[in-house]
PDB file of N, CA and C in Angstrom:
ATOM      1  N   UNK A   1     153.133  79.877 142.344  1.00  0.00           N
ATOM      2  CA  UNK A   1     151.835  80.279 141.877  1.00  0.00           C
ATOM      3  C   UNK A   1     151.119  81.038 142.994  1.00  0.00           C
ATOM      4  N   UNK A   2     150.583  82.196 142.652  1.00  0.00           N
ATOM      5  CA  UNK A   2     149.894  83.020 143.640  1.00  0.00           C
ATOM      6  C   UNK A   2     148.524  82.441 143.964  1.00  0.00           C
ATOM      7  N   UNK A   3     148.006  82.848 145.106  1.00  0.00           N
ATOM      8  CA  UNK A   3     146.697  82.376 145.553  1.00  0.00           C
ATOM      9  C   UNK A   3     145.607  82.721 144.544  1.00  0.00           C
ATOM     10  N   UNK A   4     145.665  83.922 143.971  1.00  0.00           N
ATOM     11  CA  UNK A   4     144.637  84.327 143.009  1.00  0.00           C
ATOM     12  C   UNK A   4     144.682  83.458 141.757  1.00  0.00           C
ATOM     13  N   UNK A   5     145.900  83.025 141.353  1.00  0.00           N
ATOM     14  CA  UNK A   5     146.025  82.136 140.201  1.00  0.00           C
ATOM     15  C   UNK A   5     145.392  80.776 140.492  1.00  0.00           C
ATOM     16  N   UNK A   6     145.612  80.272 141.693  1.00  0.00           N
ATOM     17  CA  UNK A   6     145.034  78.988 142.092  1.00  0.00           C
ATOM     18  C   UNK A   6     143.517  79.094 142.107  1.00  0.00           C
ATOM     19  N   UNK A   7     142.993  80.164 142.710  1.00  0.00           N
ATOM     20  CA  UNK A   7     141.545  80.364 142.758  1.00  0.00           C
ATOM     21  C   UNK A   7     140.965  80.496 141.363  1.00  0.00           C
ATOM     22  N   UNK A   8     141.679  81.179 140.488  1.00  0.00           N
ATOM     23  CA  UNK A   8     141.221  81.343 139.116  1.00  0.00           C
ATOM     24  C   UNK A   8     141.154  79.998 138.406  1.00  0.00           C
ATOM     25  N   UNK A   9     142.186  79.168 138.597  1.00  0.00           N
ATOM     26  CA  UNK A   9     142.190  77.847 137.972  1.00  0.00           C
ATOM     27  C   UNK A   9     141.069  76.970 138.508  1.00  0.00           C
ATOM     28  N   UNK A  10     140.833  77.035 139.809  1.00  0.00           N
ATOM     29  CA  UNK A  10     139.748  76.262 140.410  1.00  0.00           C
ATOM     30  C   UNK A  10     138.410  76.748 139.874  1.00  0.00           C
ATOM     31  N   UNK A  11     138.245  78.054 139.795  1.00  0.00           N
ATOM     32  CA  UNK A  11     136.999  78.617 139.288  1.00  0.00           C
ATOM     33  C   UNK A  11     136.775  78.216 137.837  1.00  0.00           C
ATOM     34  N   UNK A  12     137.831  78.247 137.041  1.00  0.00           N
ATOM     35  CA  UNK A  12     137.723  77.860 135.636  1.00  0.00           C
ATOM     36  C   UNK A  12     137.342  76.393 135.519  1.00  0.00           C
ATOM     37  N   UNK A  13     137.996  75.550 136.299  1.00  0.00           N
ATOM     38  CA  UNK A  13     137.693  74.123 136.273  1.00  0.00           C
ATOM     39  C   UNK A  13     136.255  73.868 136.714  1.00  0.00           C
ATOM     40  N   UNK A  14     135.837  74.526 137.775  1.00  0.00           N
ATOM     41  CA  UNK A  14     134.468  74.361 138.273  1.00  0.00           C
ATOM     42  C   UNK A  14     133.464  74.832 137.233  1.00  0.00           C
ATOM     43  N   UNK A  15     133.755  75.961 136.592  1.00  0.00           N
ATOM     44  CA  UNK A  15     132.848  76.474 135.571  1.00  0.00           C
ATOM     45  C   UNK A  15     132.746  75.506 134.399  1.00  0.00           C
ATOM     46  N   UNK A  16     133.874  74.973 133.954  1.00  0.00           N
ATOM     47  CA  UNK A  16     133.855  74.049 132.819  1.00  0.00           C
ATOM     48  C   UNK A  16     133.064  72.782 133.147  1.00  0.00           C
ATOM     49  N   UNK A  17     133.182  72.300 134.382  1.00  0.00           N
ATOM     50  CA  UNK A  17     132.380  71.139 134.795  1.00  0.00           C
ATOM     51  C   UNK A  17     130.899  71.484 134.805  1.00  0.00           C
ATOM     52  N   UNK A  18     130.580  72.637 135.362  1.00  0.00           N
ATOM     53  CA  UNK A  18     129.190  73.074 135.415  1.00  0.00           C
ATOM     54  C   UNK A  18     128.635  73.251 134.004  1.00  0.00           C
ATOM     55  N   UNK A  19     129.411  73.869 133.141  1.00  0.00           N
ATOM     56  CA  UNK A  19     129.002  74.080 131.750  1.00  0.00           C
ATOM     57  C   UNK A  19     128.723  72.734 131.082  1.00  0.00           C
ATOM     58  N   UNK A  20     129.601  71.770 131.290  1.00  0.00           N
ATOM     59  CA  UNK A  20     129.429  70.437 130.711  1.00  0.00           C
ATOM     60  C   UNK A  20     128.128  69.796 131.203  1.00  0.00           C
ATOM     61  N   UNK A  21     127.884  69.882 132.500  1.00  0.00           N
ATOM     62  CA  UNK A  21     126.673  69.292 133.070  1.00  0.00           C
ATOM     63  C   UNK A  21     125.412  69.978 132.556  1.00  0.00           C
ATOM     64  N   UNK A  22     125.457  71.298 132.443  1.00  0.00           N
ATOM     65  CA  UNK A  22     124.299  72.037 131.929  1.00  0.00           C
ATOM     66  C   UNK A  22     124.049  71.660 130.477  1.00  0.00           C
ATOM     67  N   UNK A  23     125.116  71.577 129.677  1.00  0.00           N
ATOM     68  CA  UNK A  23     124.959  71.218 128.270  1.00  0.00           C
ATOM     69  C   UNK A  23     124.383  69.808 128.121  1.00  0.00           C
ATOM     70  N   UNK A  24     124.769  68.880 128.994  1.00  0.00           N
ATOM     71  CA  UNK A  24     124.182  67.535 128.943  1.00  0.00           C
ATOM     72  C   UNK A  24     122.678  67.591 129.176  1.00  0.00           C
ATOM     73  N   UNK A  25     122.258  68.331 130.192  1.00  0.00           N
ATOM     74  CA  UNK A  25     120.828  68.459 130.473  1.00  0.00           C
ATOM     75  C   UNK A  25     120.109  69.201 129.353  1.00  0.00           C
ATOM     76  N   UNK A  26     120.776  70.188 128.793  1.00  0.00           N
ATOM     77  CA  UNK A  26     120.199  70.957 127.692  1.00  0.00           C
ATOM     78  C   UNK A  26     119.978  70.060 126.475  1.00  0.00           C
ATOM     79  N   UNK A  27     120.884  69.146 126.230  1.00  0.00           N
ATOM     80  CA  UNK A  27     120.714  68.190 125.125  1.00  0.00           C
ATOM     81  C   UNK A  27     119.456  67.352 125.340  1.00  0.00           C
ATOM     82  N   UNK A  28     119.229  66.920 126.568  1.00  0.00           N
ATOM     83  CA  UNK A  28     118.014  66.158 126.877  1.00  0.00           C
ATOM     84  C   UNK A  28     116.765  66.993 126.617  1.00  0.00           C
ATOM     85  N   UNK A  29     116.812  68.253 126.994  1.00  0.00           N
ATOM     86  CA  UNK A  29     115.673  69.148 126.774  1.00  0.00           C
ATOM     87  C   UNK A  29     115.432  69.323 125.282  1.00  0.00           C
ATOM     88  N   UNK A  30     116.500  69.526 124.512  1.00  0.00           N
ATOM     89  CA  UNK A  30     116.364  69.709 123.068  1.00  0.00           C
ATOM     90  C   UNK A  30     115.806  68.448 122.400  1.00  0.00           C
ATOM     91  N   UNK A  31     116.228  67.275 122.855  1.00  0.00           N
ATOM     92  CA  UNK A  31     115.675  66.024 122.320  1.00  0.00           C
ATOM     93  C   UNK A  31     114.193  65.889 122.661  1.00  0.00           C
ATOM     94  N   UNK A  32     113.822  66.269 123.870  1.00  0.00           N
ATOM     95  CA  UNK A  32     112.417  66.208 124.273  1.00  0.00           C
ATOM     96  C   UNK A  32     111.571  67.167 123.436  1.00  0.00           C
ATOM     97  N   UNK A  33     112.105  68.335 123.148  1.00  0.00           N
ATOM     98  CA  UNK A  33     111.389  69.303 122.306  1.00  0.00           C
ATOM     99  C   UNK A  33     111.181  68.723 120.911  1.00  0.00           C
ATOM    100  N   UNK A  34     112.231  68.114 120.354  1.00  0.00           N
ATOM    101  CA  UNK A  34     112.112  67.497 119.029  1.00  0.00           C
ATOM    102  C   UNK A  34     111.057  66.387 119.050  1.00  0.00           C
ATOM    103  N   UNK A  35     111.033  65.608 120.124  1.00  0.00           N
ATOM    104  CA  UNK A  35     110.027  64.561 120.263  1.00  0.00           C
ATOM    105  C   UNK A  35     108.619  65.128 120.339  1.00  0.00           C
ATOM    106  N   UNK A  36     108.453  66.211 121.089  1.00  0.00           N
ATOM    107  CA  UNK A  36     107.144  66.871 121.172  1.00  0.00           C
ATOM    108  C   UNK A  36     106.689  67.367 119.807  1.00  0.00           C
ATOM    109  N   UNK A  37     107.602  67.976 119.077  1.00  0.00           N
ATOM    110  CA  UNK A  37     107.257  68.469 117.738  1.00  0.00           C
ATOM    111  C   UNK A  37     106.784  67.319 116.855  1.00  0.00           C
ATOM    112  N   UNK A  38     107.490  66.193 116.924  1.00  0.00           N
ATOM    113  CA  UNK A  38     107.129  65.035 116.110  1.00  0.00           C
ATOM    114  C   UNK A  38     105.776  64.476 116.528  1.00  0.00           C
ATOM    115  N   UNK A  39     105.577  64.304 117.827  1.00  0.00           N
ATOM    116  CA  UNK A  39     104.338  63.715 118.339  1.00  0.00           C
ATOM    117  C   UNK A  39     103.125  64.620 118.122  1.00  0.00           C
ATOM    118  N   UNK A  40     103.352  65.906 118.040  1.00  0.00           N
ATOM    119  CA  UNK A  40     102.241  66.859 117.962  1.00  0.00           C
ATOM    120  C   UNK A  40     102.065  67.443 116.560  1.00  0.00           C
ATOM    121  N   UNK A  41     102.609  66.778 115.551  1.00  0.00           N
ATOM    122  CA  UNK A  41     102.512  67.298 114.188  1.00  0.00           C
ATOM    123  C   UNK A  41     101.063  67.497 113.744  1.00  0.00           C
ATOM    124  N   UNK A  42     100.186  66.585 114.126  1.00  0.00           N
ATOM    125  CA  UNK A  42      98.791  66.660 113.700  1.00  0.00           C
ATOM    126  C   UNK A  42      98.021  67.754 114.435  1.00  0.00           C
ATOM    127  N   UNK A  43      98.518  68.174 115.575  1.00  0.00           N
ATOM    128  CA  UNK A  43      97.854  69.222 116.355  1.00  0.00           C
ATOM    129  C   UNK A  43      98.138  70.566 115.697  1.00  0.00           C
ATOM    130  N   UNK A  44      97.103  71.231 115.251  1.00  0.00           N
ATOM    131  CA  UNK A  44      97.279  72.506 114.556  1.00  0.00           C
ATOM    132  C   UNK A  44      97.133  73.707 115.485  1.00  0.00           C
ATOM    133  N   UNK A  45      97.148  73.453 116.774  1.00  0.00           N
ATOM    134  CA  UNK A  45      97.004  74.524 117.754  1.00  0.00           C
ATOM    135  C   UNK A  45      98.159  75.522 117.651  1.00  0.00           C
ATOM    136  N   UNK A  46      97.810  76.770 117.451  1.00  0.00           N
ATOM    137  CA  UNK A  46      98.842  77.811 117.389  1.00  0.00           C
ATOM    138  C   UNK A  46      99.517  77.984 118.746  1.00  0.00           C
ATOM    139  N   UNK A  47      98.762  77.768 119.811  1.00  0.00           N
ATOM    140  CA  UNK A  47      99.338  77.880 121.152  1.00  0.00           C
ATOM    141  C   UNK A  47     100.447  76.855 121.351  1.00  0.00           C
ATOM    142  N   UNK A  48     100.191  75.620 120.948  1.00  0.00           N
ATOM    143  CA  UNK A  48     101.193  74.566 121.100  1.00  0.00           C
ATOM    144  C   UNK A  48     102.449  74.903 120.299  1.00  0.00           C
ATOM    145  N   UNK A  49     102.268  75.372 119.080  1.00  0.00           N
ATOM    146  CA  UNK A  49     103.411  75.756 118.246  1.00  0.00           C
ATOM    147  C   UNK A  49     104.196  76.882 118.906  1.00  0.00           C
ATOM    148  N   UNK A  50     103.498  77.826 119.512  1.00  0.00           N
ATOM    149  CA  UNK A  50     104.153  78.940 120.199  1.00  0.00           C
ATOM    150  C   UNK A  50     104.948  78.446 121.407  1.00  0.00           C
ATOM    151  N   UNK A  51     104.364  77.539 122.178  1.00  0.00           N
ATOM    152  CA  UNK A  51     105.059  76.999 123.354  1.00  0.00           C
ATOM    153  C   UNK A  51     106.324  76.245 122.953  1.00  0.00           C
ATOM    154  N   UNK A  52     106.207  75.411 121.932  1.00  0.00           N
ATOM    155  CA  UNK A  52     107.365  74.637 121.479  1.00  0.00           C
ATOM    156  C   UNK A  52     108.434  75.563 120.926  1.00  0.00           C
ATOM    157  N   UNK A  53     108.029  76.557 120.162  1.00  0.00           N
ATOM    158  CA  UNK A  53     108.979  77.526 119.615  1.00  0.00           C
ATOM    159  C   UNK A  53     109.688  78.291 120.730  1.00  0.00           C
ATOM    160  N   UNK A  54     108.938  78.663 121.750  1.00  0.00           N
ATOM    161  CA  UNK A  54     109.519  79.373 122.889  1.00  0.00           C
ATOM    162  C   UNK A  54     110.547  78.504 123.606  1.00  0.00           C
ATOM    163  N   UNK A  55     110.226  77.235 123.798  1.00  0.00           N
ATOM    164  CA  UNK A  55     111.170  76.307 124.426  1.00  0.00           C
ATOM    165  C   UNK A  55     112.436  76.161 123.584  1.00  0.00           C
ATOM    166  N   UNK A  56     112.269  76.037 122.274  1.00  0.00           N
ATOM    167  CA  UNK A  56     113.423  75.908 121.376  1.00  0.00           C
ATOM    168  C   UNK A  56     114.322  77.135 121.455  1.00  0.00           C
ATOM    169  N   UNK A  57     113.711  78.306 121.404  1.00  0.00           N
ATOM    170  CA  UNK A  57     114.484  79.550 121.445  1.00  0.00           C
ATOM    171  C   UNK A  57     115.217  79.701 122.774  1.00  0.00           C
ATOM    172  N   UNK A  58     114.563  79.352 123.858  1.00  0.00           N
ATOM    173  CA  UNK A  58     115.200  79.463 125.174  1.00  0.00           C
ATOM    174  C   UNK A  58     116.372  78.496 125.305  1.00  0.00           C
ATOM    175  N   UNK A  59     116.197  77.271 124.838  1.00  0.00           N
ATOM    176  CA  UNK A  59     117.283  76.285 124.891  1.00  0.00           C
ATOM    177  C   UNK A  59     118.461  76.746 124.044  1.00  0.00           C
ATOM    178  N   UNK A  60     118.172  77.291 122.878  1.00  0.00           N
ATOM    179  CA  UNK A  60     119.238  77.786 121.999  1.00  0.00           C
ATOM    180  C   UNK A  60     119.962  78.970 122.651  1.00  0.00           C
ATOM    181  N   UNK A  61     119.221  79.860 123.291  1.00  0.00           N
ATOM    182  CA  UNK A  61     119.827  81.022 123.955  1.00  0.00           C
ATOM    183  C   UNK A  61     120.749  80.581 125.092  1.00  0.00           C
ATOM    184  N   UNK A  62     120.324  79.602 125.866  1.00  0.00           N
ATOM    185  CA  UNK A  62     121.166  79.090 126.956  1.00  0.00           C
ATOM    186  C   UNK A  62     122.439  78.483 126.387  1.00  0.00           C
ATOM    187  N   UNK A  63     122.305  77.702 125.325  1.00  0.00           N
ATOM    188  CA  UNK A  63     123.470  77.083 124.689  1.00  0.00           C
ATOM    189  C   UNK A  63     124.443  78.149 124.191  1.00  0.00           C
ATOM    190  N   UNK A  64     123.936  79.189 123.563  1.00  0.00           N
ATOM    191  CA  UNK A  64     124.798  80.273 123.070  1.00  0.00           C
ATOM    192  C   UNK A  64     125.495  81.001 124.218  1.00  0.00           C
ATOM    193  N   UNK A  65     124.775  81.229 125.313  1.00  0.00           N
ATOM    194  CA  UNK A  65     125.391  81.886 126.470  1.00  0.00           C
ATOM    195  C   UNK A  65     126.537  81.054 127.025  1.00  0.00           C
ATOM    196  N   UNK A  66     126.320  79.757 127.139  1.00  0.00           N
ATOM    197  CA  UNK A  66     127.374  78.879 127.651  1.00  0.00           C
ATOM    198  C   UNK A  66     128.583  78.873 126.725  1.00  0.00           C
ATOM    199  N   UNK A  67     128.336  78.883 125.426  1.00  0.00           N
ATOM    200  CA  UNK A  67     129.443  78.914 124.465  1.00  0.00           C
ATOM    201  C   UNK A  67     130.191  80.241 124.522  1.00  0.00           C
ATOM    202  N   UNK A  68     129.465  81.339 124.690  1.00  0.00           N
ATOM    203  CA  UNK A  68     130.098  82.665 124.745  1.00  0.00           C
ATOM    204  C   UNK A  68     131.022  82.813 125.951  1.00  0.00           C
ATOM    205  N   UNK A  69     130.708  82.158 127.054  1.00  0.00           N
ATOM    206  CA  UNK A  69     131.536  82.257 128.256  1.00  0.00           C
ATOM    207  C   UNK A  69     132.913  81.644 128.075  1.00  0.00           C
ATOM    208  N   UNK A  70     133.036  80.725 127.146  1.00  0.00           N
ATOM    209  CA  UNK A  70     134.318  80.042 126.977  1.00  0.00           C
ATOM    210  C   UNK A  70     135.136  80.593 125.822  1.00  0.00           C
ATOM    211  N   UNK A  71     134.618  81.599 125.145  1.00  0.00           N
ATOM    212  CA  UNK A  71     135.389  82.217 124.067  1.00  0.00           C
ATOM    213  C   UNK A  71     136.418  83.166 124.666  1.00  0.00           C
ATOM    214  N   UNK A  72     137.600  83.224 124.042  1.00  0.00           N
ATOM    215  CA  UNK A  72     138.650  84.125 124.577  1.00  0.00           C
ATOM    216  C   UNK A  72     138.278  85.583 124.458  1.00  0.00           C
TER     217      UNK A  72
END
């Protein structure tokens, strides 16, 4: 096995670990967002709805980016 193959395998393994760790934290963020939405249902503030929507969209975008990196 060539050195570049070894480095590639190490990089792939490191990336997959990092991706897994990021996705775990992202799940926590998504759960917190869902909790905020539930707790703030009575609040009719458009600003709050915008902030929560922005957080949801950003979390979804990060998740999609991580998934796209592992597609062949």
